[in-house]
Amino acid sequence: MAGFVQIVEFKTSRIEEVQALIDERRAQLEAGSTVQRLTATADRDRPGYYLTIIEFDSYQAAMENSNRPETSEFSAAMAKLCDGPPNFYNLDVWQTW
């Protein structure tokens, strides 16, 4: 495999608070993280919907990151700002160009 990507889709009417939470916790989340790249997006066709595209070297690296206490704390704080539970898409990368 060429890597692993996790897409997290969430809905919120409180995106400014989400951004503030990310800004507040970013250094903590980056320290010791196995994330290679994170891209945050807003859905142009569905206002209030957002997706993060998180790239890892492998599925194992993603699970290692998911098991970090900092990740769990951040996820719990995010859940309070969202209008429902997130959707997770776990994708093995078989090709990039």
PDB file of N, CA and C in Angstrom:
ATOM      1  N   MET A   1       0.825  -1.183   0.000  1.00  0.00           N
ATOM      2  CA  MET A   1       0.000   0.000   0.000  1.00  0.00           C
ATOM      3  C   MET A   1       0.874   1.254   0.000  1.00  0.00           C
ATOM      4  N   ALA A   2       0.327   2.292  -0.573  1.00  0.00           N
ATOM      5  CA  ALA A   2       1.038   3.565  -0.671  1.00  0.00           C
ATOM      6  C   ALA A   2       0.717   4.502   0.481  1.00  0.00           C
ATOM      7  N   GLY A   3      -0.062   4.061   1.442  1.00  0.00           N
ATOM      8  CA  GLY A   3      -0.404   4.912   2.571  1.00  0.00           C
ATOM      9  C   GLY A   3      -1.836   4.707   3.011  1.00  0.00           C
ATOM     10  N   PHE A   4      -2.293   5.598   3.859  1.00  0.00           N
ATOM     11  CA  PHE A   4      -3.628   5.508   4.430  1.00  0.00           C
ATOM     12  C   PHE A   4      -4.163   6.923   4.593  1.00  0.00           C
ATOM     13  N   VAL A   5      -5.437   7.109   4.265  1.00  0.00           N
ATOM     14  CA  VAL A   5      -6.096   8.403   4.400  1.00  0.00           C
ATOM     15  C   VAL A   5      -7.366   8.209   5.208  1.00  0.00           C
ATOM     16  N   GLN A   6      -7.603   9.111   6.127  1.00  0.00           N
ATOM     17  CA  GLN A   6      -8.870   9.122   6.858  1.00  0.00           C
ATOM     18  C   GLN A   6      -9.560  10.444   6.543  1.00  0.00           C
ATOM     19  N   ILE A   7     -10.812  10.341   6.137  1.00  0.00           N
ATOM     20  CA  ILE A   7     -11.627  11.531   5.914  1.00  0.00           C
ATOM     21  C   ILE A   7     -12.656  11.577   7.038  1.00  0.00           C
ATOM     22  N   VAL A   8     -12.727  12.717   7.697  1.00  0.00           N
ATOM     23  CA  VAL A   8     -13.704  12.917   8.763  1.00  0.00           C
ATOM     24  C   VAL A   8     -14.659  14.006   8.291  1.00  0.00           C
ATOM     25  N   GLU A   9     -15.930  13.640   8.162  1.00  0.00           N
ATOM     26  CA  GLU A   9     -16.972  14.573   7.733  1.00  0.00           C
ATOM     27  C   GLU A   9     -17.793  14.954   8.961  1.00  0.00           C
ATOM     28  N   PHE A  10     -17.997  16.252   9.145  1.00  0.00           N
ATOM     29  CA  PHE A  10     -18.802  16.694  10.284  1.00  0.00           C
ATOM     30  C   PHE A  10     -19.645  17.903   9.890  1.00  0.00           C
ATOM     31  N   LYS A  11     -20.696  18.099  10.671  1.00  0.00           N
ATOM     32  CA  LYS A  11     -21.585  19.241  10.458  1.00  0.00           C
ATOM     33  C   LYS A  11     -21.565  20.093  11.717  1.00  0.00           C
ATOM     34  N   THR A  12     -21.442  21.404  11.503  1.00  0.00           N
ATOM     35  CA  THR A  12     -21.474  22.318  12.642  1.00  0.00           C
ATOM     36  C   THR A  12     -21.986  23.687  12.204  1.00  0.00           C
ATOM     37  N   SER A  13     -22.691  24.313  13.110  1.00  0.00           N
ATOM     38  CA  SER A  13     -23.091  25.707  12.919  1.00  0.00           C
ATOM     39  C   SER A  13     -22.180  26.618  13.750  1.00  0.00           C
ATOM     40  N   ARG A  14     -21.100  26.017  14.297  1.00  0.00           N
ATOM     41  CA  ARG A  14     -20.194  26.743  15.189  1.00  0.00           C
ATOM     42  C   ARG A  14     -18.745  26.667  14.688  1.00  0.00           C
ATOM     43  N   ILE A  15     -18.552  26.884  13.397  1.00  0.00           N
ATOM     44  CA  ILE A  15     -17.218  26.698  12.806  1.00  0.00           C
ATOM     45  C   ILE A  15     -16.174  27.639  13.412  1.00  0.00           C
ATOM     46  N   GLU A  16     -16.572  28.830  13.838  1.00  0.00           N
ATOM     47  CA  GLU A  16     -15.604  29.737  14.463  1.00  0.00           C
ATOM     48  C   GLU A  16     -15.074  29.133  15.761  1.00  0.00           C
ATOM     49  N   GLU A  17     -15.952  28.474  16.523  1.00  0.00           N
ATOM     50  CA  GLU A  17     -15.521  27.822  17.758  1.00  0.00           C
ATOM     51  C   GLU A  17     -14.659  26.596  17.465  1.00  0.00           C
ATOM     52  N   VAL A  18     -14.981  25.883  16.393  1.00  0.00           N
ATOM     53  CA  VAL A  18     -14.150  24.755  15.968  1.00  0.00           C
ATOM     54  C   VAL A  18     -12.751  25.259  15.634  1.00  0.00           C
ATOM     55  N   GLN A  19     -12.666  26.338  14.860  1.00  0.00           N
ATOM     56  CA  GLN A  19     -11.361  26.891  14.493  1.00  0.00           C
ATOM     57  C   GLN A  19     -10.597  27.342  15.729  1.00  0.00           C
ATOM     58  N   ALA A  20     -11.275  27.951  16.685  1.00  0.00           N
ATOM     59  CA  ALA A  20     -10.616  28.379  17.921  1.00  0.00           C
ATOM     60  C   ALA A  20     -10.081  27.171  18.694  1.00  0.00           C
ATOM     61  N   LEU A  21     -10.836  26.084  18.729  1.00  0.00           N
ATOM     62  CA  LEU A  21     -10.391  24.862  19.401  1.00  0.00           C
ATOM     63  C   LEU A  21      -9.148  24.298  18.713  1.00  0.00           C
ATOM     64  N   ILE A  22      -9.170  24.274  17.384  1.00  0.00           N
ATOM     65  CA  ILE A  22      -8.014  23.787  16.629  1.00  0.00           C
ATOM     66  C   ILE A  22      -6.796  24.659  16.910  1.00  0.00           C
ATOM     67  N   ASP A  23      -6.973  25.971  16.870  1.00  0.00           N
ATOM     68  CA  ASP A  23      -5.865  26.887  17.137  1.00  0.00           C
ATOM     69  C   ASP A  23      -5.304  26.685  18.542  1.00  0.00           C
ATOM     70  N   GLU A  24      -6.201  26.486  19.504  1.00  0.00           N
ATOM     71  CA  GLU A  24      -5.809  26.317  20.894  1.00  0.00           C
ATOM     72  C   GLU A  24      -5.012  25.027  21.101  1.00  0.00           C
ATOM     73  N   ARG A  25      -5.398  23.965  20.407  1.00  0.00           N
ATOM     74  CA  ARG A  25      -4.812  22.651  20.660  1.00  0.00           C
ATOM     75  C   ARG A  25      -3.831  22.177  19.592  1.00  0.00           C
ATOM     76  N   ARG A  26      -3.581  22.969  18.594  1.00  0.00           N
ATOM     77  CA  ARG A  26      -2.775  22.513  17.456  1.00  0.00           C
ATOM     78  C   ARG A  26      -1.382  22.027  17.867  1.00  0.00           C
ATOM     79  N   ALA A  27      -0.666  22.789  18.662  1.00  0.00           N
ATOM     80  CA  ALA A  27       0.680  22.389  19.072  1.00  0.00           C
ATOM     81  C   ALA A  27       0.647  21.072  19.837  1.00  0.00           C
ATOM     82  N   GLN A  28      -0.339  20.919  20.698  1.00  0.00           N
ATOM     83  CA  GLN A  28      -0.479  19.685  21.472  1.00  0.00           C
ATOM     84  C   GLN A  28      -0.768  18.504  20.543  1.00  0.00           C
ATOM     85  N   LEU A  29      -1.615  18.723  19.544  1.00  0.00           N
ATOM     86  CA  LEU A  29      -1.967  17.659  18.612  1.00  0.00           C
ATOM     87  C   LEU A  29      -0.795  17.287  17.707  1.00  0.00           C
ATOM     88  N   GLU A  30       0.014  18.265  17.331  1.00  0.00           N
ATOM     89  CA  GLU A  30       1.139  18.006  16.430  1.00  0.00           C
ATOM     90  C   GLU A  30       2.290  17.290  17.124  1.00  0.00           C
ATOM     91  N   ALA A  31       2.498  17.567  18.405  1.00  0.00           N
ATOM     92  CA  ALA A  31       3.606  16.955  19.139  1.00  0.00           C
ATOM     93  C   ALA A  31       3.376  15.447  19.269  1.00  0.00           C
ATOM     94  N   GLY A  32       4.262  14.668  18.679  1.00  0.00           N
ATOM     95  CA  GLY A  32       4.150  13.215  18.765  1.00  0.00           C
ATOM     96  C   GLY A  32       3.147  12.599  17.814  1.00  0.00           C
ATOM     97  N   SER A  33       2.554  13.379  16.950  1.00  0.00           N
ATOM     98  CA  SER A  33       1.541  12.886  16.022  1.00  0.00           C
ATOM     99  C   SER A  33       2.176  12.086  14.893  1.00  0.00           C
ATOM    100  N   THR A  34       1.414  11.142  14.344  1.00  0.00           N
ATOM    101  CA  THR A  34       1.852  10.383  13.168  1.00  0.00           C
ATOM    102  C   THR A  34       1.200  10.912  11.887  1.00  0.00           C
ATOM    103  N   VAL A  35       0.483  12.022  11.985  1.00  0.00           N
ATOM    104  CA  VAL A  35      -0.151  12.635  10.817  1.00  0.00           C
ATOM    105  C   VAL A  35       0.934  13.193   9.897  1.00  0.00           C
ATOM    106  N   GLN A  36       0.845  12.876   8.613  1.00  0.00           N
ATOM    107  CA  GLN A  36       1.775  13.410   7.626  1.00  0.00           C
ATOM    108  C   GLN A  36       1.268  14.723   7.038  1.00  0.00           C
ATOM    109  N   ARG A  37      -0.055  14.804   6.858  1.00  0.00           N
ATOM    110  CA  ARG A  37      -0.654  16.013   6.303  1.00  0.00           C
ATOM    111  C   ARG A  37      -2.134  16.028   6.695  1.00  0.00           C
ATOM    112  N   LEU A  38      -2.638  17.220   6.968  1.00  0.00           N
ATOM    113  CA  LEU A  38      -4.059  17.400   7.255  1.00  0.00           C
ATOM    114  C   LEU A  38      -4.565  18.550   6.396  1.00  0.00           C
ATOM    115  N   THR A  39      -5.660  18.304   5.705  1.00  0.00           N
ATOM    116  CA  THR A  39      -6.304  19.337   4.904  1.00  0.00           C
ATOM    117  C   THR A  39      -7.727  19.500   5.421  1.00  0.00           C
ATOM    118  N   ALA A  40      -8.094  20.712   5.791  1.00  0.00           N
ATOM    119  CA  ALA A  40      -9.444  21.004   6.275  1.00  0.00           C
ATOM    120  C   ALA A  40     -10.215  21.693   5.149  1.00  0.00           C
ATOM    121  N   THR A  41     -11.434  21.230   4.910  1.00  0.00           N
ATOM    122  CA  THR A  41     -12.221  21.753   3.799  1.00  0.00           C
ATOM    123  C   THR A  41     -13.642  22.078   4.246  1.00  0.00           C
ATOM    124  N   ALA A  42     -14.284  22.963   3.484  1.00  0.00           N
ATOM    125  CA  ALA A  42     -15.698  23.304   3.666  1.00  0.00           C
ATOM    126  C   ALA A  42     -16.431  22.892   2.394  1.00  0.00           C
ATOM    127  N   ASP A  43     -17.562  22.234   2.550  1.00  0.00           N
ATOM    128  CA  ASP A  43     -18.344  21.770   1.406  1.00  0.00           C
ATOM    129  C   ASP A  43     -19.087  22.960   0.795  1.00  0.00           C
ATOM    130  N   ARG A  44     -18.770  23.294  -0.440  1.00  0.00           N
ATOM    131  CA  ARG A  44     -19.393  24.438  -1.115  1.00  0.00           C
ATOM    132  C   ARG A  44     -20.868  24.203  -1.402  1.00  0.00           C
ATOM    133  N   ASP A  45     -21.259  22.946  -1.558  1.00  0.00           N
ATOM    134  CA  ASP A  45     -22.634  22.625  -1.927  1.00  0.00           C
ATOM    135  C   ASP A  45     -23.542  22.373  -0.731  1.00  0.00           C
ATOM    136  N   ARG A  46     -22.949  22.195   0.448  1.00  0.00           N
ATOM    137  CA  ARG A  46     -23.737  21.938   1.661  1.00  0.00           C
ATOM    138  C   ARG A  46     -23.198  22.812   2.783  1.00  0.00           C
ATOM    139  N   PRO A  47     -23.722  24.009   2.928  1.00  0.00           N
ATOM    140  CA  PRO A  47     -23.247  24.895   3.989  1.00  0.00           C
ATOM    141  C   PRO A  47     -23.343  24.207   5.356  1.00  0.00           C
ATOM    142  N   GLY A  48     -22.314  24.404   6.150  1.00  0.00           N
ATOM    143  CA  GLY A  48     -22.282  23.820   7.486  1.00  0.00           C
ATOM    144  C   GLY A  48     -21.625  22.451   7.538  1.00  0.00           C
ATOM    145  N   TYR A  49     -21.262  21.898   6.382  1.00  0.00           N
ATOM    146  CA  TYR A  49     -20.579  20.601   6.336  1.00  0.00           C
ATOM    147  C   TYR A  49     -19.097  20.817   6.051  1.00  0.00           C
ATOM    148  N   TYR A  50     -18.272  20.068   6.763  1.00  0.00           N
ATOM    149  CA  TYR A  50     -16.822  20.190   6.669  1.00  0.00           C
ATOM    150  C   TYR A  50     -16.205  18.804   6.621  1.00  0.00           C
ATOM    151  N   LEU A  51     -15.070  18.706   5.938  1.00  0.00           N
ATOM    152  CA  LEU A  51     -14.340  17.450   5.861  1.00  0.00           C
ATOM    153  C   LEU A  51     -12.868  17.722   6.118  1.00  0.00           C
ATOM    154  N   THR A  52     -12.251  16.856   6.904  1.00  0.00           N
ATOM    155  CA  THR A  52     -10.806  16.894   7.052  1.00  0.00           C
ATOM    156  C   THR A  52     -10.247  15.658   6.368  1.00  0.00           C
ATOM    157  N   ILE A  53      -9.179  15.849   5.649  1.00  0.00           N
ATOM    158  CA  ILE A  53      -8.497  14.771   4.948  1.00  0.00           C
ATOM    159  C   ILE A  53      -7.152  14.621   5.644  1.00  0.00           C
ATOM    160  N   ILE A  54      -6.966  13.482   6.303  1.00  0.00           N
ATOM    161  CA  ILE A  54      -5.793  13.274   7.141  1.00  0.00           C
ATOM    162  C   ILE A  54      -4.969  12.138   6.534  1.00  0.00           C
ATOM    163  N   GLU A  55      -3.718  12.428   6.214  1.00  0.00           N
ATOM    164  CA  GLU A  55      -2.852  11.453   5.560  1.00  0.00           C
ATOM    165  C   GLU A  55      -1.846  10.866   6.556  1.00  0.00           C
ATOM    166  N   PHE A  56      -1.685   9.545   6.455  1.00  0.00           N
ATOM    167  CA  PHE A  56      -0.752   8.800   7.296  1.00  0.00           C
ATOM    168  C   PHE A  56       0.118   7.907   6.420  1.00  0.00           C
ATOM    169  N   ASP A  57       1.231   7.451   6.980  1.00  0.00           N
ATOM    170  CA  ASP A  57       2.073   6.493   6.260  1.00  0.00           C
ATOM    171  C   ASP A  57       1.392   5.136   6.130  1.00  0.00           C
ATOM    172  N   SER A  58       0.556   4.787   7.121  1.00  0.00           N
ATOM    173  CA  SER A  58      -0.071   3.465   7.139  1.00  0.00           C
ATOM    174  C   SER A  58      -1.298   3.482   8.041  1.00  0.00           C
ATOM    175  N   TYR A  59      -2.092   2.435   7.932  1.00  0.00           N
ATOM    176  CA  TYR A  59      -3.234   2.252   8.822  1.00  0.00           C
ATOM    177  C   TYR A  59      -2.752   2.167  10.275  1.00  0.00           C
ATOM    178  N   GLN A  60      -1.647   1.465  10.488  1.00  0.00           N
ATOM    179  CA  GLN A  60      -1.108   1.313  11.842  1.00  0.00           C
ATOM    180  C   GLN A  60      -0.730   2.678  12.434  1.00  0.00           C
ATOM    181  N   ALA A  61      -0.150   3.545  11.619  1.00  0.00           N
ATOM    182  CA  ALA A  61       0.196   4.894  12.087  1.00  0.00           C
ATOM    183  C   ALA A  61      -1.060   5.679  12.454  1.00  0.00           C
ATOM    184  N   ALA A  62      -2.128   5.485  11.682  1.00  0.00           N
ATOM    185  CA  ALA A  62      -3.392   6.163  11.982  1.00  0.00           C
ATOM    186  C   ALA A  62      -3.966   5.678  13.312  1.00  0.00           C
ATOM    187  N   MET A  63      -3.916   4.373  13.540  1.00  0.00           N
ATOM    188  CA  MET A  63      -4.442   3.823  14.790  1.00  0.00           C
ATOM    189  C   MET A  63      -3.597   4.264  15.987  1.00  0.00           C
ATOM    190  N   GLU A  64      -2.281   4.359  15.773  1.00  0.00           N
ATOM    191  CA  GLU A  64      -1.409   4.866  16.829  1.00  0.00           C
ATOM    192  C   GLU A  64      -1.806   6.294  17.197  1.00  0.00           C
ATOM    193  N   ASN A  65      -2.082   7.105  16.195  1.00  0.00           N
ATOM    194  CA  ASN A  65      -2.504   8.483  16.443  1.00  0.00           C
ATOM    195  C   ASN A  65      -3.872   8.527  17.131  1.00  0.00           C
ATOM    196  N   SER A  66      -4.790   7.669  16.691  1.00  0.00           N
ATOM    197  CA  SER A  66      -6.134   7.632  17.288  1.00  0.00           C
ATOM    198  C   SER A  66      -6.099   7.251  18.759  1.00  0.00           C
ATOM    199  N   ASN A  67      -5.110   6.456  19.151  1.00  0.00           N
ATOM    200  CA  ASN A  67      -5.011   5.983  20.533  1.00  0.00           C
ATOM    201  C   ASN A  67      -4.318   6.967  21.467  1.00  0.00           C
ATOM    202  N   ARG A  68      -3.842   8.088  20.955  1.00  0.00           N
ATOM    203  CA  ARG A  68      -3.193   9.092  21.796  1.00  0.00           C
ATOM    204  C   ARG A  68      -4.236   9.791  22.673  1.00  0.00           C
ATOM    205  N   PRO A  69      -3.949  10.042  23.939  1.00  0.00           N
ATOM    206  CA  PRO A  69      -4.900  10.749  24.808  1.00  0.00           C
ATOM    207  C   PRO A  69      -5.270  12.126  24.255  1.00  0.00           C
ATOM    208  N   GLU A  70      -4.310  12.815  23.636  1.00  0.00           N
ATOM    209  CA  GLU A  70      -4.579  14.139  23.081  1.00  0.00           C
ATOM    210  C   GLU A  70      -5.628  14.076  21.970  1.00  0.00           C
ATOM    211  N   THR A  71      -5.567  13.025  21.170  1.00  0.00           N
ATOM    212  CA  THR A  71      -6.534  12.855  20.089  1.00  0.00           C
ATOM    213  C   THR A  71      -7.924  12.599  20.659  1.00  0.00           C
ATOM    214  N   SER A  72      -8.001  11.750  21.676  1.00  0.00           N
ATOM    215  CA  SER A  72      -9.297  11.458  22.305  1.00  0.00           C
ATOM    216  C   SER A  72      -9.900  12.702  22.949  1.00  0.00           C
ATOM    217  N   GLU A  73      -9.086  13.483  23.626  1.00  0.00           N
ATOM    218  CA  GLU A  73      -9.566  14.721  24.260  1.00  0.00           C
ATOM    219  C   GLU A  73     -10.067  15.711  23.215  1.00  0.00           C
ATOM    220  N   PHE A  74      -9.311  15.853  22.128  1.00  0.00           N
ATOM    221  CA  PHE A  74      -9.707  16.760  21.061  1.00  0.00           C
ATOM    222  C   PHE A  74     -11.020  16.296  20.428  1.00  0.00           C
ATOM    223  N   SER A  75     -11.150  15.016  20.172  1.00  0.00           N
ATOM    224  CA  SER A  75     -12.378  14.478  19.570  1.00  0.00           C
ATOM    225  C   SER A  75     -13.593  14.731  20.456  1.00  0.00           C
ATOM    226  N   ALA A  76     -13.433  14.567  21.755  1.00  0.00           N
ATOM    227  CA  ALA A  76     -14.540  14.821  22.682  1.00  0.00           C
ATOM    228  C   ALA A  76     -14.930  16.301  22.672  1.00  0.00           C
ATOM    229  N   ALA A  77     -13.951  17.187  22.633  1.00  0.00           N
ATOM    230  CA  ALA A  77     -14.232  18.627  22.585  1.00  0.00           C
ATOM    231  C   ALA A  77     -14.909  18.997  21.266  1.00  0.00           C
ATOM    232  N   MET A  78     -14.447  18.393  20.166  1.00  0.00           N
ATOM    233  CA  MET A  78     -15.061  18.639  18.850  1.00  0.00           C
ATOM    234  C   MET A  78     -16.517  18.190  18.833  1.00  0.00           C
ATOM    235  N   ALA A  79     -16.793  17.039  19.415  1.00  0.00           N
ATOM    236  CA  ALA A  79     -18.153  16.487  19.414  1.00  0.00           C
ATOM    237  C   ALA A  79     -19.146  17.466  20.031  1.00  0.00           C
ATOM    238  N   LYS A  80     -18.705  18.212  21.030  1.00  0.00           N
ATOM    239  CA  LYS A  80     -19.575  19.190  21.684  1.00  0.00           C
ATOM    240  C   LYS A  80     -19.915  20.365  20.780  1.00  0.00           C
ATOM    241  N   LEU A  81     -19.093  20.601  19.762  1.00  0.00           N
ATOM    242  CA  LEU A  81     -19.304  21.730  18.857  1.00  0.00           C
ATOM    243  C   LEU A  81     -20.017  21.336  17.567  1.00  0.00           C
ATOM    244  N   CYS A  82     -20.252  20.051  17.397  1.00  0.00           N
ATOM    245  CA  CYS A  82     -20.865  19.567  16.153  1.00  0.00           C
ATOM    246  C   CYS A  82     -22.360  19.337  16.318  1.00  0.00           C
ATOM    247  N   ASP A  83     -23.051  19.361  15.177  1.00  0.00           N
ATOM    248  CA  ASP A  83     -24.502  19.193  15.155  1.00  0.00           C
ATOM    249  C   ASP A  83     -24.925  17.729  15.025  1.00  0.00           C
ATOM    250  N   GLY A  84     -24.013  16.828  15.243  1.00  0.00           N
ATOM    251  CA  GLY A  84     -24.276  15.394  15.161  1.00  0.00           C
ATOM    252  C   GLY A  84     -22.952  14.660  15.130  1.00  0.00           C
ATOM    253  N   PRO A  85     -22.996  13.335  15.117  1.00  0.00           N
ATOM    254  CA  PRO A  85     -21.742  12.580  15.102  1.00  0.00           C
ATOM    255  C   PRO A  85     -21.046  12.682  13.746  1.00  0.00           C
ATOM    256  N   PRO A  86     -19.721  12.595  13.755  1.00  0.00           N
ATOM    257  CA  PRO A  86     -18.985  12.652  12.488  1.00  0.00           C
ATOM    258  C   PRO A  86     -19.096  11.335  11.724  1.00  0.00           C
ATOM    259  N   ASN A  87     -18.829  11.409  10.444  1.00  0.00           N
ATOM    260  CA  ASN A  87     -18.683  10.215   9.610  1.00  0.00           C
ATOM    261  C   ASN A  87     -17.204  10.040   9.322  1.00  0.00           C
ATOM    262  N   PHE A  88     -16.725   8.800   9.449  1.00  0.00           N
ATOM    263  CA  PHE A  88     -15.326   8.482   9.201  1.00  0.00           C
ATOM    264  C   PHE A  88     -15.231   7.603   7.964  1.00  0.00           C
ATOM    265  N   TYR A  89     -14.285   7.942   7.104  1.00  0.00           N
ATOM    266  CA  TYR A  89     -13.987   7.149   5.915  1.00  0.00           C
ATOM    267  C   TYR A  89     -12.514   6.753   6.018  1.00  0.00           C
ATOM    268  N   ASN A  90     -12.262   5.451   6.112  1.00  0.00           N
ATOM    269  CA  ASN A  90     -10.910   4.932   6.276  1.00  0.00           C
ATOM    270  C   ASN A  90     -10.473   4.307   4.959  1.00  0.00           C
ATOM    271  N   LEU A  91      -9.463   4.895   4.338  1.00  0.00           N
ATOM    272  CA  LEU A  91      -9.118   4.569   2.964  1.00  0.00           C
ATOM    273  C   LEU A  91      -7.662   4.145   2.810  1.00  0.00           C
ATOM    274  N   ASP A  92      -7.447   2.937   2.278  1.00  0.00           N
ATOM    275  CA  ASP A  92      -6.101   2.521   1.888  1.00  0.00           C
ATOM    276  C   ASP A  92      -5.776   3.181   0.561  1.00  0.00           C
ATOM    277  N   VAL A  93      -4.638   3.819   0.498  1.00  0.00           N
ATOM    278  CA  VAL A  93      -4.209   4.475  -0.729  1.00  0.00           C
ATOM    279  C   VAL A  93      -3.506   3.424  -1.602  1.00  0.00           C
ATOM    280  N   TRP A  94      -4.001   3.231  -2.778  1.00  0.00           N
ATOM    281  CA  TRP A  94      -3.354   2.280  -3.687  1.00  0.00           C
ATOM    282  C   TRP A  94      -2.652   2.967  -4.836  1.00  0.00           C
ATOM    283  N   GLN A  95      -2.932   4.264  -5.027  1.00  0.00           N
ATOM    284  CA  GLN A  95      -2.239   4.984  -6.082  1.00  0.00           C
ATOM    285  C   GLN A  95      -2.384   6.492  -5.874  1.00  0.00           C
ATOM    286  N   THR A  96      -1.307   7.215  -6.094  1.00  0.00           N
ATOM    287  CA  THR A  96      -1.355   8.678  -6.151  1.00  0.00           C
ATOM    288  C   THR A  96      -0.486   9.112  -7.320  1.00  0.00           C
ATOM    289  N   TRP A  97      -0.835  10.257  -7.928  1.00  0.00           N
ATOM    290  CA  TRP A  97       0.013  10.858  -8.951  1.00  0.00           C
ATOM    291  C   TRP A  97      -0.108  12.330  -8.946  1.00  0.00           C
TER     292      TRP A  97
END
